[in-house]
Protein backbone atom coordinates (compact mmCIF):
# COMPACT_ATOMS: atom_id res chain seq x y z
CA MET A 1 29.09 -14.17 34.44
CA GLU A 2 28.47 -14.24 38.12
CA ALA A 3 26.88 -17.90 37.76
CA LYS A 4 29.77 -19.23 35.34
CA GLN A 5 31.80 -17.63 37.53
CA ASN A 6 30.48 -19.41 40.26
CA ASN A 7 29.84 -22.98 38.49
CA LEU A 8 34.06 -23.00 37.37
CA ILE A 9 35.14 -22.34 41.00
CA LYS A 10 32.90 -25.30 41.81
CA SER A 11 34.42 -27.49 39.40
CA LEU A 12 37.87 -26.32 40.01
CA ARG A 13 37.06 -27.21 43.94
CA ILE A 14 36.70 -31.29 42.74
CA GLN A 15 39.65 -31.04 40.82
CA PRO A 16 41.89 -27.88 41.28
CA LEU A 17 43.56 -28.30 37.36
CA ILE A 18 43.61 -27.67 33.98
CA VAL A 19 45.72 -28.68 31.22
CA VAL A 20 46.14 -26.32 28.52
CA ILE A 21 46.30 -27.60 25.01
CA ARG A 22 47.35 -25.67 22.13
CA LEU A 23 47.23 -26.46 18.84
CA GLU A 24 50.22 -27.61 16.38
CA HIS A 25 51.92 -25.63 13.82
CA ASN A 26 49.69 -25.75 10.39
CA PHE A 27 47.27 -27.97 12.39
CA PHE A 28 44.62 -27.23 10.27
CA ASN A 29 46.68 -28.54 7.57
CA LEU A 30 47.17 -32.24 8.37
CA SER A 31 44.54 -34.69 9.24
CA LYS A 32 46.56 -36.44 11.37
CA LYS A 33 46.98 -33.60 13.89
CA LYS A 34 43.36 -33.34 14.60
CA GLU A 35 43.17 -37.10 15.24
CA ASN A 36 47.08 -36.66 17.70
CA LEU A 37 44.69 -33.91 19.35
CA LEU A 38 41.76 -36.22 20.39
CA SER A 39 43.78 -38.80 21.21
CA LYS A 40 45.31 -36.82 23.87
CA ILE A 41 42.06 -35.40 25.45
CA GLU A 42 41.02 -38.95 25.08
CA LYS A 43 43.98 -40.17 27.22
CA LEU A 44 43.82 -36.62 29.73
CA SER A 45 39.90 -37.96 30.23
CA ASN A 46 41.18 -41.63 30.98
CA PHE A 47 43.47 -40.60 33.65
CA GLY A 48 40.79 -38.89 35.17
CA ILE A 49 41.14 -34.59 33.84
CA LYS A 50 37.75 -32.96 34.23
CA ASN A 51 38.96 -29.61 32.40
CA ILE A 52 40.72 -28.99 29.78
CA GLU A 53 41.50 -25.65 27.65
CA ILE A 54 42.28 -25.54 23.80
CA GLY A 55 44.70 -22.99 22.72
CA TRP A 56 42.42 -20.23 20.19
CA ASP A 57 43.14 -20.37 16.59
CA PRO A 58 42.49 -17.54 13.89
CA ASN A 59 41.58 -20.23 11.71
CA PRO A 60 37.53 -21.08 10.87
CA GLU A 61 37.81 -24.15 11.38
CA TRP A 62 38.67 -23.70 14.56
CA VAL A 63 35.04 -22.85 15.71
CA ASN A 64 33.87 -26.49 14.61
CA LEU A 65 36.94 -28.36 16.14
CA ILE A 66 35.43 -26.93 19.50
CA LEU A 67 32.73 -27.69 19.05
CA GLU A 68 33.49 -31.06 17.90
CA ILE A 69 36.02 -31.45 21.03
CA LYS A 70 32.69 -30.42 23.19
CA LYS A 71 30.20 -33.21 21.76
CA ARG A 72 32.45 -35.64 22.32
CA PHE A 73 33.86 -35.12 25.42
CA LYS A 74 30.92 -34.29 27.18
CA SER A 75 31.96 -35.84 30.80
CA ILE A 76 35.13 -32.51 30.21
CA ASN A 77 34.76 -29.18 31.15
CA ILE A 78 36.48 -27.65 27.66
CA GLY A 79 37.50 -23.61 28.10
CA VAL A 80 39.75 -22.24 25.74
CA ALA A 81 43.35 -20.48 26.07
CA SER A 82 44.29 -17.13 25.18
CA ILE A 83 41.43 -14.95 24.03
CA SER A 84 43.05 -11.44 23.87
CA SER A 85 41.63 -9.84 20.94
CA ARG A 86 38.08 -8.90 19.59
CA GLN A 87 38.64 -10.95 16.82
CA SER A 88 39.09 -13.59 19.56
CA LEU A 89 36.41 -13.29 21.55
CA GLU A 90 33.74 -12.60 18.95
CA SER A 91 34.52 -16.13 17.87
CA ILE A 92 33.60 -17.81 21.23
CA LEU A 93 30.52 -16.63 21.31
CA SER A 94 28.74 -19.25 19.64
CA LEU A 95 30.35 -22.20 21.10
CA ASP A 96 28.81 -21.88 24.86
CA VAL A 97 31.93 -22.68 26.85
CA ASN A 98 31.91 -22.50 30.21
CA TYR A 99 34.90 -19.86 30.51
CA SER A 100 37.92 -19.13 28.46
CA MET A 101 41.25 -17.25 30.07
CA SER A 102 43.51 -14.11 28.45
CA GLN A 103 46.95 -14.60 28.86
CA PHE A 104 47.47 -10.54 30.75
CA PHE A 105 44.67 -8.34 31.20
CA ASN A 106 43.33 -5.87 28.65
CA LYS A 107 40.26 -3.97 30.05
CA GLU A 108 39.12 -3.10 26.59
CA ILE A 109 38.13 -6.70 25.81
CA HIS A 110 36.87 -7.48 29.36
CA ILE A 111 34.21 -5.27 29.27
CA GLN A 112 33.61 -6.46 25.80
CA ALA A 113 33.41 -10.41 27.44
CA ILE A 114 31.29 -9.19 30.09
CA GLU A 115 28.31 -7.12 27.80
CA TYR A 116 29.05 -10.68 26.09
CA ASN A 117 28.41 -12.80 28.92
CA GLN A 118 31.17 -14.57 28.86
CA LEU A 119 33.76 -15.46 31.18
CA VAL A 120 36.81 -14.89 30.49
CA ILE A 121 39.29 -15.15 33.29
CA PRO A 122 42.28 -12.21 32.89
CA GLY A 123 45.60 -13.03 33.73
CA ILE A 124 47.26 -11.09 36.28
CA SER A 125 50.87 -9.74 36.96
CA ASN A 126 50.64 -6.96 39.18
CA ILE A 127 48.60 -5.28 41.62
CA GLU A 128 47.10 -2.45 39.58
CA ASN A 129 45.60 -5.01 37.10
CA PHE A 130 44.21 -7.14 40.20
CA LYS A 131 42.36 -4.04 41.32
CA GLU A 132 40.80 -3.86 37.85
CA ALA A 133 39.91 -6.83 37.39
CA ILE A 134 38.16 -7.38 41.05
CA ASP A 135 36.01 -3.46 40.19
CA LEU A 136 35.04 -5.48 36.72
CA GLY A 137 33.19 -8.05 38.80
CA TYR A 138 35.79 -11.09 38.68
CA LYS A 139 36.45 -13.21 41.22
CA ILE A 140 38.39 -15.61 39.30
CA VAL A 141 41.66 -13.99 38.62
CA LYS A 142 44.80 -16.13 36.40
CA ILE A 143 48.32 -15.30 38.08
CA PHE A 144 50.67 -15.44 34.98
CA PRO A 145 53.38 -16.23 35.13
CA ALA A 146 53.21 -18.14 38.81
CA SER A 147 56.43 -19.52 38.68
CA LYS A 148 58.48 -16.60 38.09
CA LEU A 149 56.02 -14.10 39.94
CA GLY A 150 56.27 -16.69 42.82
CA ILE A 151 54.26 -17.07 46.07
CA ASN A 152 55.31 -13.71 47.51
CA PHE A 153 53.24 -12.07 45.14
CA ILE A 154 50.27 -13.95 45.28
CA ASN A 155 50.20 -12.89 49.15
CA GLU A 156 50.59 -9.03 48.22
CA LEU A 157 47.34 -9.88 45.83
CA LYS A 158 45.88 -11.56 49.05
CA ASP A 159 46.71 -8.21 51.05
CA PHE A 160 44.80 -6.22 48.88
CA LYS A 161 41.63 -8.01 48.08
CA LYS A 162 38.31 -6.95 49.41
CA LYS A 163 36.48 -9.94 48.97
CA ASP A 164 37.43 -13.70 48.92
CA ILE A 165 39.19 -14.23 45.38
CA PHE A 166 39.47 -17.82 43.23
CA PHE A 167 43.41 -17.16 42.47
CA ILE A 168 44.25 -19.58 39.38
CA GLY A 169 47.72 -20.29 38.84
CA ALA A 170 49.42 -20.85 35.63
CA GLY A 171 52.75 -20.59 33.56
CA GLY A 172 55.87 -22.41 34.20
CA ILE A 173 54.16 -25.19 36.44
CA LYS A 174 55.31 -28.45 36.53
CA SER A 175 53.35 -31.53 37.93
CA LYS A 176 55.94 -32.19 40.06
CA ASN A 177 55.12 -28.92 42.17
CA LEU A 178 51.43 -29.19 41.92
CA LYS A 179 51.25 -29.51 45.99
CA LYS A 180 53.66 -26.95 46.21
CA PHE A 181 51.27 -24.45 44.74
CA LEU A 182 48.32 -25.27 45.84
CA LYS A 183 49.54 -24.98 49.98
CA SER A 184 51.11 -21.57 49.24
CA GLY A 185 47.88 -20.34 48.24
CA TYR A 186 46.58 -20.94 45.24
CA ASP A 187 43.25 -22.30 44.50
CA ALA A 188 43.72 -24.33 41.01
CA LEU A 189 46.37 -24.28 38.45
CA VAL A 190 47.31 -24.47 34.80
CA ILE A 191 50.12 -26.73 33.35
CA GLY A 192 50.23 -26.98 29.69
CA ARG A 193 54.09 -26.81 27.74
CA GLU A 194 55.35 -28.59 30.84
CA LEU A 195 53.69 -31.32 30.61
CA ARG A 196 54.75 -33.15 28.27
CA ASN A 197 53.01 -34.09 25.31
CA GLN A 198 50.12 -33.16 27.28
CA THR A 199 50.50 -36.53 28.66
CA PRO A 200 50.65 -37.30 32.72
CA ASP A 201 53.83 -38.06 33.70
CA LYS A 202 54.47 -40.08 37.49
CA ASP A 203 53.83 -37.19 39.20
CA LEU A 204 50.46 -36.34 37.91
CA GLU A 205 49.19 -39.69 38.17
CA ILE A 206 50.24 -39.88 41.81
CA TRP A 207 48.70 -36.03 42.37
CA LEU A 208 45.63 -37.25 40.56
CA LYS A 209 44.77 -40.04 42.98
CA ASP A 210 43.90 -37.73 45.55
CA TYR A 211 41.22 -36.03 43.06
């Protein structure tokens, strides 16, 4: 798991942003929705986005979808969002994804992920879970929801950390606030629902010029 953590940190130091895309309702019932998803990813890639997460889905076809995306967009660092159950964890074992994330800390799931050599970055919203994540060997944690927990929370965590930790902020972050969050101590950020239709707006376009 350490190698995967180091590789992700290296990737996010080049461009400290992950765009998360969640599948639409009834995604697998309409072929047009798949076409829309692939089109979104292509647009993001053309804008220079390097890291994209796809939301997990229990549909059996989801695994094939991720394999297709990985094959089609080899220049993008594809990850998986919302790994929070044994079913979701087991579904990514055959995908060889570089990283995935959970919304909240679930010790049982994270221990299992480590046994499977899967990097499932824990969502952290309190100091107790932060300490537990460090004890499990995590060098990367996701602060969620970053927009509500604020800057003071990450400063508290930094006071408690025993070694260098890579902080990813997620939840309610708008593209116009990317610089603000990064300057405040976050090492990378996740943007999703706040980015309308997962298409870069003017603020994101300006930000991307530096990366």
